[in-house]
Amino acid sequence: MTDDDRPLDPRGRRVPRAALAPNWWVVLLADAAVGVVVALVGVALAVWWLPWLGALVMAAGVVYVALVVRRGLQWRWLRREAGRS
């Protein structure tokens, strides 16, 4: 599939290739795992070193996972629109 073959989203941008891939949920799962690891590192920092730094790192990991969930919902909608549910 070339860039010109990919459908457009409502804003006129090309849909990401990963959103239309058959293993799209694996991509999102791996990305969410990164956020979970960052959050766990934040917990470890808070317990064994600097609580304020741990809280900051933990918050960053949680926000990252939330953004991955948002992207997953967007990709699910894009796949449905492209007829690839």
C-alpha atoms as a PDB file:
ATOM      1  CA  MET A   1       0.000   0.000   0.000  1.00  0.00           C
ATOM      2  CA  THR A   2       1.500   3.326  -1.016  1.00  0.00           C
ATOM      3  CA  ASP A   3       0.846   6.629   0.702  1.00  0.00           C
ATOM      4  CA  ASP A   4      -1.591   7.600  -2.035  1.00  0.00           C
ATOM      5  CA  ASP A   5      -3.649   4.425  -1.452  1.00  0.00           C
ATOM      6  CA  ARG A   6      -4.296   5.149   2.216  1.00  0.00           C
ATOM      7  CA  PRO A   7      -7.647   6.760   3.009  1.00  0.00           C
ATOM      8  CA  LEU A   8      -7.924  10.243   4.465  1.00  0.00           C
ATOM      9  CA  ASP A   9      -9.163  10.995   7.955  1.00  0.00           C
ATOM     10  CA  PRO A  10     -11.806  13.707   8.532  1.00  0.00           C
ATOM     11  CA  ARG A  11      -9.096  16.403   8.677  1.00  0.00           C
ATOM     12  CA  GLY A  12      -7.714  15.398   5.292  1.00  0.00           C
ATOM     13  CA  ARG A  13      -4.596  13.662   6.622  1.00  0.00           C
ATOM     14  CA  ARG A  14      -3.494  10.185   5.572  1.00  0.00           C
ATOM     15  CA  VAL A  15      -4.426   7.393   7.971  1.00  0.00           C
ATOM     16  CA  PRO A  16      -1.328   5.889   9.676  1.00  0.00           C
ATOM     17  CA  ARG A  17      -0.224   2.537   8.229  1.00  0.00           C
ATOM     18  CA  ALA A  18      -0.200   0.927  11.659  1.00  0.00           C
ATOM     19  CA  ALA A  19      -3.877   1.796  12.134  1.00  0.00           C
ATOM     20  CA  LEU A  20      -4.784  -0.307   9.105  1.00  0.00           C
ATOM     21  CA  ALA A  21      -2.378  -3.171   9.805  1.00  0.00           C
ATOM     22  CA  PRO A  22      -3.846  -6.547  10.782  1.00  0.00           C
ATOM     23  CA  ASN A  23      -1.872  -6.488  14.054  1.00  0.00           C
ATOM     24  CA  TRP A  24      -2.835  -2.933  15.011  1.00  0.00           C
ATOM     25  CA  TRP A  25      -3.745  -3.935  18.553  1.00  0.00           C
ATOM     26  CA  VAL A  26      -0.277  -5.464  19.084  1.00  0.00           C
ATOM     27  CA  VAL A  27       1.293  -2.127  18.129  1.00  0.00           C
ATOM     28  CA  LEU A  28      -0.892  -0.365  20.688  1.00  0.00           C
ATOM     29  CA  LEU A  29      -0.219  -2.998  23.335  1.00  0.00           C
ATOM     30  CA  ALA A  30       3.549  -2.633  22.925  1.00  0.00           C
ATOM     31  CA  ASP A  31       3.225   1.142  23.075  1.00  0.00           C
ATOM     32  CA  ALA A  32       1.104   0.953  26.226  1.00  0.00           C
ATOM     33  CA  ALA A  33       3.682  -1.371  27.791  1.00  0.00           C
ATOM     34  CA  VAL A  34       6.257   1.413  27.466  1.00  0.00           C
ATOM     35  CA  GLY A  35       4.001   3.710  29.469  1.00  0.00           C
ATOM     36  CA  VAL A  36       3.414   1.068  32.127  1.00  0.00           C
ATOM     37  CA  VAL A  37       7.164   0.525  32.524  1.00  0.00           C
ATOM     38  CA  VAL A  38       7.700   4.291  32.886  1.00  0.00           C
ATOM     39  CA  ALA A  39       4.972   4.430  35.547  1.00  0.00           C
ATOM     40  CA  LEU A  40       6.568   1.521  37.429  1.00  0.00           C
ATOM     41  CA  VAL A  41       9.954   3.237  37.299  1.00  0.00           C
ATOM     42  CA  GLY A  42       8.223   6.276  38.789  1.00  0.00           C
ATOM     43  CA  VAL A  43       6.869   4.162  41.641  1.00  0.00           C
ATOM     44  CA  ALA A  44      10.352   2.782  42.303  1.00  0.00           C
ATOM     45  CA  LEU A  45      11.833   6.287  42.277  1.00  0.00           C
ATOM     46  CA  ALA A  46       9.177   7.499  44.691  1.00  0.00           C
ATOM     47  CA  VAL A  47       9.768   4.640  47.114  1.00  0.00           C
ATOM     48  CA  TRP A  48      13.566   4.442  47.087  1.00  0.00           C
ATOM     49  CA  TRP A  49      14.844   7.879  46.093  1.00  0.00           C
ATOM     50  CA  LEU A  50      12.964  11.153  45.544  1.00  0.00           C
ATOM     51  CA  PRO A  51       9.197  11.042  45.998  1.00  0.00           C
ATOM     52  CA  TRP A  52       8.556  14.211  43.973  1.00  0.00           C
ATOM     53  CA  LEU A  53      10.598  12.928  41.032  1.00  0.00           C
ATOM     54  CA  GLY A  54       8.904   9.527  41.244  1.00  0.00           C
ATOM     55  CA  ALA A  55       5.486  11.173  41.199  1.00  0.00           C
ATOM     56  CA  LEU A  56       6.454  13.192  38.127  1.00  0.00           C
ATOM     57  CA  VAL A  57       7.761  10.146  36.243  1.00  0.00           C
ATOM     58  CA  MET A  58       4.761   8.077  37.310  1.00  0.00           C
ATOM     59  CA  ALA A  59       2.374  10.779  36.090  1.00  0.00           C
ATOM     60  CA  ALA A  60       4.191  10.891  32.754  1.00  0.00           C
ATOM     61  CA  GLY A  61       3.738   7.131  32.352  1.00  0.00           C
ATOM     62  CA  VAL A  62       0.049   7.281  33.199  1.00  0.00           C
ATOM     63  CA  VAL A  63      -0.532  10.151  30.756  1.00  0.00           C
ATOM     64  CA  TYR A  64       1.337   8.207  28.072  1.00  0.00           C
ATOM     65  CA  VAL A  65      -0.897   5.168  28.575  1.00  0.00           C
ATOM     66  CA  ALA A  66      -3.976   7.412  28.430  1.00  0.00           C
ATOM     67  CA  LEU A  67      -2.773   8.838  25.112  1.00  0.00           C
ATOM     68  CA  VAL A  68      -2.243   5.315  23.765  1.00  0.00           C
ATOM     69  CA  VAL A  69      -5.825   4.442  24.742  1.00  0.00           C
ATOM     70  CA  ARG A  70      -7.018   7.569  22.943  1.00  0.00           C
ATOM     71  CA  ARG A  71      -5.035   6.607  19.846  1.00  0.00           C
ATOM     72  CA  GLY A  72      -6.521   3.107  20.027  1.00  0.00           C
ATOM     73  CA  LEU A  73     -10.030   4.529  19.990  1.00  0.00           C
ATOM     74  CA  GLN A  74      -9.108   6.750  17.055  1.00  0.00           C
ATOM     75  CA  TRP A  75      -7.570   3.840  15.145  1.00  0.00           C
ATOM     76  CA  ARG A  76     -10.621   1.682  15.818  1.00  0.00           C
ATOM     77  CA  TRP A  77     -12.830   4.415  14.365  1.00  0.00           C
ATOM     78  CA  LEU A  78     -10.503   4.869  11.354  1.00  0.00           C
ATOM     79  CA  ARG A  79     -10.522   1.111  10.711  1.00  0.00           C
ATOM     80  CA  ARG A  80     -14.304   1.033  10.894  1.00  0.00           C
ATOM     81  CA  GLU A  81     -14.516   3.934   8.425  1.00  0.00           C
ATOM     82  CA  ALA A  82     -12.070   2.161   6.078  1.00  0.00           C
ATOM     83  CA  GLY A  83     -14.131  -1.042   6.288  1.00  0.00           C
ATOM     84  CA  ARG A  84     -11.449  -3.054   8.112  1.00  0.00           C
ATOM     85  CA  SER A  85     -13.037  -3.665  11.499  1.00  0.00           C
END
